[in-house]
Amino acid sequence: MHPGDKWTFVTRPWPGIGIILAGCLLFTAAFLPNTADAQDQLTADQIVDAAVGDWNRDGLSDFAILAATDESEVMLGVYIYVRDPDGGLLRSVLALPNKVWGRTRESGISGQEPSVRALANGSIAITEQNQAIGRERWQAIRTLAFRQGKFVVAGFTFDYFDSMQEFEPLQCELNFLSGKGTVNGVAVDFERRSLTLAEWKDEAGSNPGLSV
């Protein structure tokens, strides 16, 4: 395999992090309904992280938060708001509970905190990680972009290493909108996909078994 060669993505077992797509990640698109209309009321103490940016590029400041719920100690929700251009108030456009893996400070485990941040281009980066427990250390970043009236997973970055150094490190960067990326520094091409965050499903945990 040389840079520029086309890769055919297939799933196969890969020691150390479960099923990996072509040695990089495994990816399952399972449809889950958008739950924005059924959003529960959040309280301030549930908020784990927040970001402010212009998600829909209308020149107004929008808002995104990660929030804990009572349903799980390790799964958090993603809640996105955009500002109404007429009245200037925030309105909810996306509410997905139990969509991000991670532990809060209250759990007493450092190195597994999730985060959300605004990127300069108006996208949203959601990070999950395990830098604390076990030999498998990893970080996964999903990049959300507002396209045609909905938030889609535009990119995915995954970094893994085995602290016992029995397995090779793994690093991939995939752009689902362009169908291009890299796996351990080698350029790859694949079929372009347009998946909303609601349609993305992964097996979360210290061994993420991520699926596309």
N, C-alpha and C. Protein backbone atom coordinates (compact mmCIF):
# COMPACT_ATOMS: atom_id res chain seq x y z
N MET A 1 0.84 -1.19 0.00
CA MET A 1 0.00 0.00 0.00
C MET A 1 0.88 1.24 0.00
N HIS A 2 0.60 2.14 -0.92
CA HIS A 2 1.39 3.36 -1.04
C HIS A 2 0.46 4.56 -0.95
N PRO A 3 0.99 5.72 -0.57
CA PRO A 3 0.17 6.93 -0.52
C PRO A 3 -0.54 7.15 -1.84
N GLY A 4 -1.85 7.45 -1.76
CA GLY A 4 -2.65 7.68 -2.96
C GLY A 4 -3.39 6.46 -3.43
N ASP A 5 -2.98 5.24 -3.00
CA ASP A 5 -3.72 4.04 -3.37
C ASP A 5 -5.10 4.07 -2.75
N LYS A 6 -6.07 3.45 -3.41
CA LYS A 6 -7.42 3.38 -2.87
C LYS A 6 -7.52 2.20 -1.93
N TRP A 7 -8.22 2.39 -0.83
CA TRP A 7 -8.44 1.34 0.15
C TRP A 7 -9.88 0.89 0.09
N THR A 8 -10.09 -0.40 0.18
CA THR A 8 -11.43 -0.95 0.35
C THR A 8 -11.62 -1.24 1.83
N PHE A 9 -12.59 -0.57 2.46
CA PHE A 9 -12.77 -0.71 3.89
C PHE A 9 -13.58 -1.95 4.20
N VAL A 10 -13.01 -2.82 4.99
CA VAL A 10 -13.71 -4.00 5.49
C VAL A 10 -13.46 -4.09 6.97
N THR A 11 -14.37 -4.76 7.69
CA THR A 11 -14.18 -4.92 9.12
C THR A 11 -13.44 -6.21 9.40
N ARG A 12 -12.56 -6.18 10.39
CA ARG A 12 -11.83 -7.36 10.80
C ARG A 12 -11.42 -7.20 12.25
N PRO A 13 -11.22 -8.32 12.96
CA PRO A 13 -10.75 -8.19 14.34
C PRO A 13 -9.36 -7.58 14.38
N TRP A 14 -9.12 -6.74 15.37
CA TRP A 14 -7.79 -6.15 15.54
C TRP A 14 -7.47 -6.16 17.02
N PRO A 15 -6.43 -6.91 17.45
CA PRO A 15 -6.16 -7.07 18.88
C PRO A 15 -6.00 -5.73 19.58
N GLY A 16 -6.60 -5.64 20.75
CA GLY A 16 -6.40 -4.46 21.59
C GLY A 16 -7.54 -3.49 21.58
N ILE A 17 -8.21 -3.28 20.44
CA ILE A 17 -9.34 -2.36 20.44
C ILE A 17 -10.53 -2.94 19.69
N GLY A 18 -10.67 -4.25 19.70
CA GLY A 18 -11.88 -4.87 19.15
C GLY A 18 -11.91 -4.80 17.64
N ILE A 19 -13.10 -4.57 17.10
CA ILE A 19 -13.29 -4.56 15.65
C ILE A 19 -12.88 -3.20 15.10
N ILE A 20 -12.00 -3.20 14.12
CA ILE A 20 -11.51 -1.96 13.54
C ILE A 20 -11.76 -1.99 12.03
N LEU A 21 -12.17 -0.88 11.52
CA LEU A 21 -12.44 -0.77 10.09
C LEU A 21 -11.13 -0.54 9.37
N ALA A 22 -10.70 -1.58 8.58
CA ALA A 22 -9.45 -1.53 7.83
C ALA A 22 -8.29 -1.17 8.73
N GLY A 23 -8.30 -1.72 9.95
CA GLY A 23 -7.24 -1.44 10.89
C GLY A 23 -7.29 -0.06 11.48
N CYS A 24 -8.38 0.68 11.28
CA CYS A 24 -8.46 2.04 11.79
C CYS A 24 -9.64 2.21 12.72
N LEU A 25 -10.83 1.96 12.26
CA LEU A 25 -12.01 2.07 13.08
C LEU A 25 -13.08 1.21 12.49
N LEU A 26 -14.06 0.92 13.29
CA LEU A 26 -15.19 0.22 12.74
C LEU A 26 -16.39 1.11 12.86
N PHE A 27 -17.20 1.09 11.89
CA PHE A 27 -18.19 2.15 11.75
C PHE A 27 -19.54 1.53 11.39
N THR A 28 -20.55 1.73 12.25
CA THR A 28 -21.89 1.24 12.00
C THR A 28 -22.85 2.40 11.97
N ALA A 29 -23.59 2.58 10.93
CA ALA A 29 -24.58 3.65 10.89
C ALA A 29 -25.93 3.08 11.30
N ALA A 30 -26.32 3.32 12.52
CA ALA A 30 -27.61 2.84 13.01
C ALA A 30 -28.50 4.04 13.26
N PHE A 31 -29.70 4.02 12.69
CA PHE A 31 -30.56 5.20 12.78
C PHE A 31 -31.15 5.32 14.18
N LEU A 32 -31.01 6.51 14.74
CA LEU A 32 -31.65 6.85 16.00
C LEU A 32 -32.43 8.13 15.78
N PRO A 33 -33.65 8.26 16.30
CA PRO A 33 -34.45 9.44 16.03
C PRO A 33 -33.89 10.68 16.68
N ASN A 34 -34.10 11.83 16.04
CA ASN A 34 -33.74 13.11 16.63
C ASN A 34 -34.70 13.39 17.78
N THR A 35 -34.15 13.67 18.96
CA THR A 35 -34.99 13.81 20.13
C THR A 35 -35.11 15.26 20.60
N ALA A 36 -34.89 16.21 19.69
CA ALA A 36 -34.93 17.62 20.08
C ALA A 36 -36.28 18.01 20.66
N ASP A 37 -37.36 17.43 20.11
CA ASP A 37 -38.69 17.79 20.58
C ASP A 37 -39.00 17.17 21.93
N ALA A 38 -38.24 16.12 22.31
CA ALA A 38 -38.52 15.43 23.57
C ALA A 38 -37.46 15.75 24.61
N GLN A 39 -36.78 16.88 24.44
CA GLN A 39 -35.69 17.23 25.33
C GLN A 39 -36.18 17.43 26.76
N ASP A 40 -35.52 16.79 27.70
CA ASP A 40 -35.81 17.02 29.11
C ASP A 40 -35.19 18.34 29.53
N GLN A 41 -35.74 18.92 30.57
CA GLN A 41 -35.19 20.14 31.12
C GLN A 41 -33.87 19.84 31.81
N LEU A 42 -32.84 20.60 31.46
CA LEU A 42 -31.53 20.41 32.06
C LEU A 42 -31.34 21.42 33.18
N THR A 43 -30.60 21.00 34.18
CA THR A 43 -30.23 21.92 35.26
C THR A 43 -28.76 22.27 35.12
N ALA A 44 -28.37 23.37 35.76
CA ALA A 44 -27.00 23.87 35.60
C ALA A 44 -25.96 22.86 36.07
N ASP A 45 -26.27 22.09 37.10
CA ASP A 45 -25.26 21.16 37.61
C ASP A 45 -25.09 19.93 36.73
N GLN A 46 -25.92 19.78 35.70
CA GLN A 46 -25.75 18.68 34.76
C GLN A 46 -24.76 19.01 33.65
N ILE A 47 -24.47 20.28 33.44
CA ILE A 47 -23.60 20.70 32.34
C ILE A 47 -22.16 20.34 32.65
N VAL A 48 -21.53 19.61 31.73
CA VAL A 48 -20.14 19.17 31.89
C VAL A 48 -19.19 20.08 31.11
N ASP A 49 -19.59 20.48 29.90
CA ASP A 49 -18.76 21.37 29.09
C ASP A 49 -19.66 22.13 28.13
N ALA A 50 -19.16 23.26 27.63
CA ALA A 50 -19.96 24.09 26.74
C ALA A 50 -19.04 24.81 25.76
N ALA A 51 -19.61 25.18 24.61
CA ALA A 51 -18.86 25.92 23.60
C ALA A 51 -19.78 26.92 22.93
N VAL A 52 -19.21 28.04 22.54
CA VAL A 52 -19.95 29.09 21.83
C VAL A 52 -19.30 29.30 20.47
N GLY A 53 -20.11 29.30 19.42
CA GLY A 53 -19.60 29.52 18.06
C GLY A 53 -20.75 29.85 17.14
N ASP A 54 -20.43 30.08 15.88
CA ASP A 54 -21.46 30.39 14.89
C ASP A 54 -21.69 29.15 14.04
N TRP A 55 -22.55 28.25 14.51
CA TRP A 55 -22.71 26.94 13.85
C TRP A 55 -23.30 27.06 12.44
N ASN A 56 -24.28 27.93 12.27
CA ASN A 56 -24.95 28.03 10.96
C ASN A 56 -24.47 29.21 10.13
N ARG A 57 -23.39 29.83 10.56
CA ARG A 57 -22.70 30.89 9.81
C ARG A 57 -23.62 32.05 9.44
N ASP A 58 -24.45 32.47 10.40
CA ASP A 58 -25.33 33.61 10.16
C ASP A 58 -24.85 34.86 10.88
N GLY A 59 -23.63 34.80 11.46
CA GLY A 59 -23.08 35.95 12.14
C GLY A 59 -23.50 36.09 13.58
N LEU A 60 -24.30 35.13 14.10
CA LEU A 60 -24.77 35.19 15.48
C LEU A 60 -24.14 34.07 16.29
N SER A 61 -23.99 34.30 17.58
CA SER A 61 -23.34 33.32 18.46
C SER A 61 -24.32 32.23 18.88
N ASP A 62 -23.95 30.99 18.64
CA ASP A 62 -24.76 29.83 19.01
C ASP A 62 -24.10 29.09 20.18
N PHE A 63 -24.70 28.01 20.61
CA PHE A 63 -24.31 27.38 21.87
C PHE A 63 -24.41 25.87 21.74
N ALA A 64 -23.46 25.16 22.34
CA ALA A 64 -23.49 23.69 22.40
C ALA A 64 -23.02 23.25 23.77
N ILE A 65 -23.66 22.24 24.32
CA ILE A 65 -23.26 21.75 25.64
C ILE A 65 -23.23 20.23 25.67
N LEU A 66 -22.41 19.69 26.56
CA LEU A 66 -22.46 18.29 26.96
C LEU A 66 -23.04 18.27 28.37
N ALA A 67 -24.00 17.39 28.59
CA ALA A 67 -24.67 17.36 29.89
C ALA A 67 -24.88 15.94 30.35
N ALA A 68 -24.66 15.71 31.64
CA ALA A 68 -24.91 14.41 32.25
C ALA A 68 -26.41 14.24 32.49
N THR A 69 -26.84 12.99 32.49
CA THR A 69 -28.24 12.69 32.81
C THR A 69 -28.27 11.65 33.91
N ASP A 70 -29.43 11.34 34.39
CA ASP A 70 -29.57 10.35 35.44
C ASP A 70 -29.56 8.93 34.89
N GLU A 71 -29.56 8.79 33.55
CA GLU A 71 -29.69 7.47 32.95
C GLU A 71 -28.40 6.67 32.98
N SER A 72 -27.24 7.33 32.98
CA SER A 72 -25.98 6.61 32.91
C SER A 72 -24.88 7.42 33.57
N GLU A 73 -23.93 6.73 34.20
CA GLU A 73 -22.80 7.42 34.82
C GLU A 73 -21.71 7.76 33.81
N VAL A 74 -21.74 7.10 32.65
CA VAL A 74 -20.65 7.29 31.69
C VAL A 74 -21.13 7.78 30.32
N MET A 75 -22.40 8.04 30.14
CA MET A 75 -22.90 8.56 28.87
C MET A 75 -23.52 9.94 29.08
N LEU A 76 -23.16 10.87 28.20
CA LEU A 76 -23.65 12.24 28.30
C LEU A 76 -24.42 12.62 27.04
N GLY A 77 -25.22 13.66 27.17
CA GLY A 77 -26.01 14.12 26.04
C GLY A 77 -25.37 15.31 25.34
N VAL A 78 -25.74 15.47 24.07
CA VAL A 78 -25.30 16.62 23.26
C VAL A 78 -26.52 17.49 23.01
N TYR A 79 -26.40 18.77 23.32
CA TYR A 79 -27.51 19.70 23.16
C TYR A 79 -26.99 20.94 22.42
N ILE A 80 -27.62 21.23 21.28
CA ILE A 80 -27.15 22.33 20.43
C ILE A 80 -28.27 23.35 20.27
N TYR A 81 -27.87 24.62 20.38
CA TYR A 81 -28.81 25.73 20.25
C TYR A 81 -28.29 26.71 19.21
N VAL A 82 -29.20 27.29 18.45
CA VAL A 82 -28.84 28.37 17.52
C VAL A 82 -29.67 29.60 17.88
N ARG A 83 -29.13 30.75 17.54
CA ARG A 83 -29.79 32.00 17.92
C ARG A 83 -30.81 32.40 16.85
N ASP A 84 -32.00 32.74 17.31
CA ASP A 84 -33.07 33.18 16.42
C ASP A 84 -32.71 34.55 15.85
N PRO A 85 -32.63 34.71 14.53
CA PRO A 85 -32.23 36.00 13.96
C PRO A 85 -33.26 37.11 14.21
N ASP A 86 -34.50 36.75 14.49
CA ASP A 86 -35.53 37.76 14.69
C ASP A 86 -35.51 38.32 16.11
N GLY A 87 -35.48 37.42 17.09
CA GLY A 87 -35.51 37.89 18.46
C GLY A 87 -34.19 37.82 19.19
N GLY A 88 -33.24 37.10 18.63
CA GLY A 88 -31.93 37.00 19.24
C GLY A 88 -31.83 35.98 20.36
N LEU A 89 -32.91 35.24 20.62
CA LEU A 89 -32.88 34.24 21.68
C LEU A 89 -32.42 32.89 21.14
N LEU A 90 -31.83 32.09 22.02
CA LEU A 90 -31.40 30.75 21.64
C LEU A 90 -32.60 29.81 21.56
N ARG A 91 -32.57 28.92 20.56
CA ARG A 91 -33.60 27.89 20.47
C ARG A 91 -32.93 26.54 20.25
N SER A 92 -33.50 25.51 20.82
CA SER A 92 -32.95 24.17 20.72
C SER A 92 -33.17 23.59 19.33
N VAL A 93 -32.10 23.06 18.71
CA VAL A 93 -32.21 22.43 17.41
C VAL A 93 -31.77 20.97 17.44
N LEU A 94 -31.11 20.56 18.51
CA LEU A 94 -30.66 19.17 18.61
C LEU A 94 -30.53 18.79 20.07
N ALA A 95 -31.13 17.66 20.45
CA ALA A 95 -31.01 17.15 21.80
C ALA A 95 -30.87 15.64 21.72
N LEU A 96 -29.66 15.14 22.00
CA LEU A 96 -29.39 13.71 21.91
C LEU A 96 -28.78 13.24 23.22
N PRO A 97 -29.58 12.68 24.11
CA PRO A 97 -29.02 12.15 25.36
C PRO A 97 -28.23 10.88 25.09
N ASN A 98 -27.30 10.57 26.00
CA ASN A 98 -26.54 9.31 25.94
C ASN A 98 -25.83 9.12 24.60
N LYS A 99 -25.14 10.17 24.14
CA LYS A 99 -24.47 10.11 22.84
C LYS A 99 -22.96 10.22 22.95
N VAL A 100 -22.44 10.64 24.11
CA VAL A 100 -21.00 10.85 24.27
C VAL A 100 -20.53 10.08 25.50
N TRP A 101 -19.44 9.32 25.32
CA TRP A 101 -18.89 8.56 26.44
C TRP A 101 -17.90 9.41 27.23
N GLY A 102 -17.93 9.28 28.55
CA GLY A 102 -16.96 9.99 29.37
C GLY A 102 -17.41 10.04 30.82
N ARG A 103 -16.49 10.41 31.67
CA ARG A 103 -16.78 10.54 33.09
C ARG A 103 -16.59 11.98 33.53
N THR A 104 -17.42 12.40 34.45
CA THR A 104 -17.31 13.75 34.98
C THR A 104 -16.38 13.74 36.20
N ARG A 105 -16.06 14.93 36.66
CA ARG A 105 -15.16 15.04 37.81
C ARG A 105 -15.74 14.35 39.05
N GLU A 106 -17.06 14.31 39.14
CA GLU A 106 -17.70 13.69 40.29
C GLU A 106 -17.41 12.19 40.37
N SER A 107 -17.07 11.58 39.24
CA SER A 107 -16.79 10.14 39.24
C SER A 107 -15.44 9.82 39.87
N GLY A 108 -14.58 10.85 40.00
CA GLY A 108 -13.29 10.64 40.64
C GLY A 108 -12.22 10.07 39.73
N ILE A 109 -12.49 9.97 38.41
CA ILE A 109 -11.53 9.40 37.46
C ILE A 109 -11.07 10.49 36.51
N SER A 110 -9.80 10.85 36.58
CA SER A 110 -9.25 11.85 35.69
C SER A 110 -8.67 11.17 34.45
N GLY A 111 -8.82 11.81 33.28
CA GLY A 111 -8.29 11.26 32.05
C GLY A 111 -9.35 10.62 31.17
N GLN A 112 -10.62 10.68 31.59
CA GLN A 112 -11.71 10.17 30.78
C GLN A 112 -12.79 11.24 30.56
N GLU A 113 -12.39 12.51 30.76
CA GLU A 113 -13.36 13.59 30.61
C GLU A 113 -13.65 13.86 29.13
N PRO A 114 -14.91 14.01 28.76
CA PRO A 114 -15.24 14.44 27.40
C PRO A 114 -15.18 15.95 27.31
N SER A 115 -15.19 16.47 26.09
CA SER A 115 -15.19 17.92 25.92
C SER A 115 -15.86 18.30 24.61
N VAL A 116 -16.30 19.56 24.54
CA VAL A 116 -16.84 20.12 23.31
C VAL A 116 -16.19 21.47 23.09
N ARG A 117 -15.83 21.76 21.84
CA ARG A 117 -15.21 23.06 21.55
C ARG A 117 -15.62 23.53 20.16
N ALA A 118 -15.57 24.84 19.99
CA ALA A 118 -15.89 25.45 18.71
C ALA A 118 -14.63 25.56 17.87
N LEU A 119 -14.74 25.23 16.59
CA LEU A 119 -13.63 25.39 15.66
C LEU A 119 -13.79 26.70 14.88
N ALA A 120 -12.70 27.16 14.31
CA ALA A 120 -12.70 28.46 13.64
C ALA A 120 -13.65 28.50 12.45
N ASN A 121 -13.90 27.35 11.83
CA ASN A 121 -14.76 27.32 10.64
C ASN A 121 -16.24 27.16 10.99
N GLY A 122 -16.58 27.20 12.29
CA GLY A 122 -17.96 27.07 12.70
C GLY A 122 -18.40 25.66 13.02
N SER A 123 -17.50 24.71 12.90
CA SER A 123 -17.81 23.32 13.25
C SER A 123 -17.69 23.10 14.75
N ILE A 124 -18.18 21.96 15.20
CA ILE A 124 -18.15 21.59 16.62
C ILE A 124 -17.34 20.32 16.77
N ALA A 125 -16.36 20.35 17.67
CA ALA A 125 -15.52 19.17 17.92
C ALA A 125 -15.90 18.56 19.27
N ILE A 126 -16.29 17.29 19.25
CA ILE A 126 -16.64 16.56 20.47
C ILE A 126 -15.58 15.49 20.71
N THR A 127 -14.92 15.57 21.86
CA THR A 127 -13.81 14.66 22.15
C THR A 127 -14.19 13.68 23.26
N GLU A 128 -13.85 12.40 23.02
CA GLU A 128 -13.94 11.35 24.03
C GLU A 128 -12.54 10.77 24.19
N GLN A 129 -12.22 10.26 25.38
CA GLN A 129 -10.87 9.77 25.58
C GLN A 129 -10.79 8.79 26.75
N ASN A 130 -9.75 7.97 26.69
CA ASN A 130 -9.33 7.19 27.87
C ASN A 130 -7.82 7.32 27.97
N GLN A 131 -7.38 8.17 28.87
CA GLN A 131 -5.95 8.34 29.13
C GLN A 131 -5.64 7.93 30.57
N ALA A 132 -6.51 7.11 31.16
CA ALA A 132 -6.41 6.87 32.59
C ALA A 132 -6.33 5.40 32.98
N ILE A 133 -7.15 4.55 32.39
CA ILE A 133 -7.32 3.19 32.90
C ILE A 133 -6.94 2.18 31.83
N GLY A 134 -6.22 1.15 32.24
CA GLY A 134 -5.89 0.06 31.33
C GLY A 134 -4.75 0.39 30.38
N ARG A 135 -4.40 -0.56 29.57
CA ARG A 135 -3.28 -0.39 28.64
C ARG A 135 -3.69 0.32 27.37
N GLU A 136 -4.97 0.30 27.06
CA GLU A 136 -5.46 0.89 25.81
C GLU A 136 -5.79 2.36 26.03
N ARG A 137 -4.96 3.23 25.50
CA ARG A 137 -5.17 4.68 25.64
C ARG A 137 -5.61 5.22 24.27
N TRP A 138 -6.65 6.01 24.27
CA TRP A 138 -7.20 6.47 22.99
C TRP A 138 -7.89 7.82 23.14
N GLN A 139 -8.03 8.48 22.00
CA GLN A 139 -8.79 9.71 21.91
C GLN A 139 -9.57 9.70 20.60
N ALA A 140 -10.85 10.02 20.68
CA ALA A 140 -11.70 10.06 19.49
C ALA A 140 -12.37 11.42 19.41
N ILE A 141 -12.33 12.02 18.23
CA ILE A 141 -12.94 13.34 18.02
C ILE A 141 -13.91 13.27 16.85
N ARG A 142 -15.16 13.60 17.10
CA ARG A 142 -16.14 13.73 16.04
C ARG A 142 -16.34 15.23 15.76
N THR A 143 -16.25 15.59 14.50
CA THR A 143 -16.44 16.98 14.10
C THR A 143 -17.81 17.13 13.44
N LEU A 144 -18.63 18.00 14.00
CA LEU A 144 -19.97 18.24 13.48
C LEU A 144 -19.99 19.51 12.66
N ALA A 145 -20.69 19.46 11.53
CA ALA A 145 -20.84 20.64 10.68
C ALA A 145 -22.32 20.80 10.31
N PHE A 146 -22.75 22.04 10.19
CA PHE A 146 -24.14 22.34 9.83
C PHE A 146 -24.24 22.37 8.32
N ARG A 147 -24.97 21.42 7.75
CA ARG A 147 -25.12 21.31 6.30
C ARG A 147 -26.58 21.05 5.95
N GLN A 148 -27.11 21.88 5.08
CA GLN A 148 -28.48 21.73 4.57
C GLN A 148 -29.49 21.55 5.71
N GLY A 149 -29.34 22.38 6.71
CA GLY A 149 -30.32 22.42 7.78
C GLY A 149 -30.17 21.37 8.86
N LYS A 150 -29.06 20.63 8.86
CA LYS A 150 -28.87 19.61 9.90
C LYS A 150 -27.40 19.49 10.24
N PHE A 151 -27.14 18.93 11.43
CA PHE A 151 -25.76 18.72 11.86
C PHE A 151 -25.31 17.32 11.45
N VAL A 152 -24.24 17.27 10.67
CA VAL A 152 -23.71 15.99 10.20
C VAL A 152 -22.32 15.77 10.79
N VAL A 153 -21.93 14.50 10.87
CA VAL A 153 -20.57 14.17 11.30
C VAL A 153 -19.66 14.35 10.09
N ALA A 154 -18.96 15.46 10.05
CA ALA A 154 -18.12 15.79 8.89
C ALA A 154 -16.77 15.09 8.95
N GLY A 155 -16.26 14.88 10.16
CA GLY A 155 -14.93 14.29 10.29
C GLY A 155 -14.80 13.45 11.53
N PHE A 156 -13.81 12.58 11.50
CA PHE A 156 -13.55 11.71 12.64
C PHE A 156 -12.04 11.50 12.75
N THR A 157 -11.52 11.72 13.96
CA THR A 157 -10.10 11.50 14.24
C THR A 157 -9.98 10.51 15.38
N PHE A 158 -9.10 9.53 15.22
CA PHE A 158 -8.93 8.50 16.25
C PHE A 158 -7.44 8.24 16.44
N ASP A 159 -7.01 8.32 17.70
CA ASP A 159 -5.62 8.02 18.06
C ASP A 159 -5.62 6.95 19.14
N TYR A 160 -4.77 5.94 18.96
CA TYR A 160 -4.70 4.83 19.91
C TYR A 160 -3.25 4.40 20.11
N PHE A 161 -2.91 4.06 21.36
CA PHE A 161 -1.64 3.39 21.58
C PHE A 161 -1.78 2.43 22.76
N ASP A 162 -0.97 1.40 22.71
CA ASP A 162 -0.94 0.37 23.74
C ASP A 162 0.20 0.71 24.69
N SER A 163 -0.14 0.98 25.95
CA SER A 163 0.90 1.39 26.90
C SER A 163 1.90 0.28 27.19
N MET A 164 1.52 -0.97 26.86
CA MET A 164 2.45 -2.09 27.01
C MET A 164 3.30 -2.30 25.76
N GLN A 165 2.96 -1.54 24.70
CA GLN A 165 3.69 -1.54 23.41
C GLN A 165 3.69 -2.91 22.75
N GLU A 166 2.66 -3.69 23.01
CA GLU A 166 2.53 -4.98 22.32
C GLU A 166 1.90 -4.81 20.95
N PHE A 167 1.02 -3.81 20.83
CA PHE A 167 0.34 -3.54 19.57
C PHE A 167 0.80 -2.21 19.01
N GLU A 168 0.76 -2.11 17.69
CA GLU A 168 1.21 -0.90 17.01
C GLU A 168 0.25 0.26 17.29
N PRO A 169 0.78 1.48 17.37
CA PRO A 169 -0.10 2.65 17.49
C PRO A 169 -1.00 2.77 16.26
N LEU A 170 -2.11 3.45 16.44
CA LEU A 170 -3.07 3.61 15.36
C LEU A 170 -3.53 5.06 15.33
N GLN A 171 -3.52 5.66 14.14
CA GLN A 171 -3.96 7.05 14.00
C GLN A 171 -4.69 7.19 12.68
N CYS A 172 -5.90 7.74 12.74
CA CYS A 172 -6.61 7.97 11.48
C CYS A 172 -7.35 9.29 11.54
N GLU A 173 -7.47 9.92 10.38
CA GLU A 173 -8.25 11.13 10.21
C GLU A 173 -9.10 10.94 8.96
N LEU A 174 -10.42 10.99 9.13
CA LEU A 174 -11.34 10.76 8.03
C LEU A 174 -12.26 11.95 7.84
N ASN A 175 -12.42 12.37 6.59
CA ASN A 175 -13.36 13.43 6.24
C ASN A 175 -14.50 12.78 5.46
N PHE A 176 -15.66 12.65 6.10
CA PHE A 176 -16.76 11.93 5.48
C PHE A 176 -17.41 12.72 4.35
N LEU A 177 -17.26 14.03 4.36
CA LEU A 177 -17.86 14.84 3.31
C LEU A 177 -17.06 14.78 2.01
N SER A 178 -15.73 14.62 2.13
CA SER A 178 -14.89 14.55 0.93
C SER A 178 -14.56 13.12 0.54
N GLY A 179 -14.70 12.17 1.48
CA GLY A 179 -14.33 10.79 1.20
C GLY A 179 -12.83 10.58 1.17
N LYS A 180 -12.11 11.41 1.91
CA LYS A 180 -10.65 11.31 1.94
C LYS A 180 -10.16 11.32 3.38
N GLY A 181 -8.96 10.76 3.58
CA GLY A 181 -8.39 10.76 4.91
C GLY A 181 -7.02 10.12 4.92
N THR A 182 -6.54 9.85 6.12
CA THR A 182 -5.26 9.16 6.28
C THR A 182 -5.41 8.11 7.37
N VAL A 183 -4.68 7.00 7.19
CA VAL A 183 -4.58 5.96 8.20
C VAL A 183 -3.10 5.71 8.44
N ASN A 184 -2.65 6.03 9.65
CA ASN A 184 -1.22 5.92 9.97
C ASN A 184 -0.36 6.62 8.92
N GLY A 185 -0.81 7.80 8.50
CA GLY A 185 -0.03 8.61 7.57
C GLY A 185 -0.20 8.27 6.11
N VAL A 186 -0.97 7.23 5.80
CA VAL A 186 -1.18 6.82 4.40
C VAL A 186 -2.52 7.37 3.91
N ALA A 187 -2.51 8.02 2.75
CA ALA A 187 -3.73 8.61 2.20
C ALA A 187 -4.72 7.51 1.80
N VAL A 188 -5.99 7.72 2.10
CA VAL A 188 -7.04 6.76 1.74
C VAL A 188 -8.21 7.51 1.11
N ASP A 189 -8.92 6.81 0.23
CA ASP A 189 -10.16 7.31 -0.36
C ASP A 189 -11.27 6.32 -0.02
N PHE A 190 -12.47 6.83 0.20
CA PHE A 190 -13.59 5.95 0.50
C PHE A 190 -14.88 6.66 0.08
N GLU A 191 -15.97 5.93 0.12
CA GLU A 191 -17.25 6.49 -0.30
C GLU A 191 -17.67 7.61 0.66
N ARG A 192 -18.06 8.74 0.10
CA ARG A 192 -18.52 9.85 0.92
C ARG A 192 -19.83 9.48 1.63
N ARG A 193 -19.97 9.98 2.86
CA ARG A 193 -21.17 9.69 3.62
C ARG A 193 -21.68 10.98 4.26
N SER A 194 -23.00 11.04 4.42
CA SER A 194 -23.62 12.16 5.11
C SER A 194 -24.47 11.59 6.24
N LEU A 195 -23.87 11.56 7.43
CA LEU A 195 -24.53 11.00 8.60
C LEU A 195 -24.79 12.10 9.62
N THR A 196 -26.00 12.18 10.12
CA THR A 196 -26.26 13.09 11.22
C THR A 196 -25.69 12.46 12.50
N LEU A 197 -25.57 13.29 13.52
CA LEU A 197 -25.09 12.76 14.79
C LEU A 197 -26.08 11.72 15.33
N ALA A 198 -27.36 11.90 15.05
CA ALA A 198 -28.36 10.93 15.49
C ALA A 198 -28.16 9.58 14.82
N GLU A 199 -27.63 9.58 13.60
CA GLU A 199 -27.44 8.33 12.86
C GLU A 199 -26.14 7.63 13.20
N TRP A 200 -25.27 8.31 13.92
CA TRP A 200 -23.99 7.72 14.30
C TRP A 200 -24.18 6.93 15.59
N LYS A 201 -23.71 5.70 15.57
CA LYS A 201 -23.79 4.88 16.78
C LYS A 201 -22.46 4.21 17.00
N ASP A 202 -21.94 4.25 18.22
CA ASP A 202 -20.72 3.53 18.52
C ASP A 202 -20.86 2.82 19.86
N GLU A 203 -20.01 1.83 20.05
CA GLU A 203 -19.96 1.11 21.32
C GLU A 203 -18.96 1.83 22.20
N ALA A 204 -19.45 2.53 23.21
CA ALA A 204 -18.58 3.36 24.01
C ALA A 204 -18.00 2.59 25.18
N GLY A 205 -16.84 3.05 25.62
CA GLY A 205 -16.20 2.45 26.77
C GLY A 205 -14.70 2.62 26.69
N SER A 206 -13.98 2.07 27.67
CA SER A 206 -12.53 2.19 27.64
C SER A 206 -11.95 1.47 26.43
N ASN A 207 -12.65 0.45 25.93
CA ASN A 207 -12.35 -0.15 24.64
C ASN A 207 -13.49 0.25 23.72
N PRO A 208 -13.35 1.34 22.94
CA PRO A 208 -14.49 1.97 22.32
C PRO A 208 -15.18 1.11 21.26
N GLY A 209 -14.43 0.28 20.53
CA GLY A 209 -15.05 -0.51 19.48
C GLY A 209 -15.84 0.37 18.54
N LEU A 210 -15.28 1.51 18.15
CA LEU A 210 -16.01 2.48 17.36
C LEU A 210 -16.48 1.87 16.06
N SER A 211 -17.66 2.26 15.63
CA SER A 211 -18.21 1.67 14.42
C SER A 211 -18.72 2.74 13.48
N VAL A 212 -18.41 2.58 12.21
CA VAL A 212 -18.88 3.50 11.17
C VAL A 212 -19.55 2.67 10.10
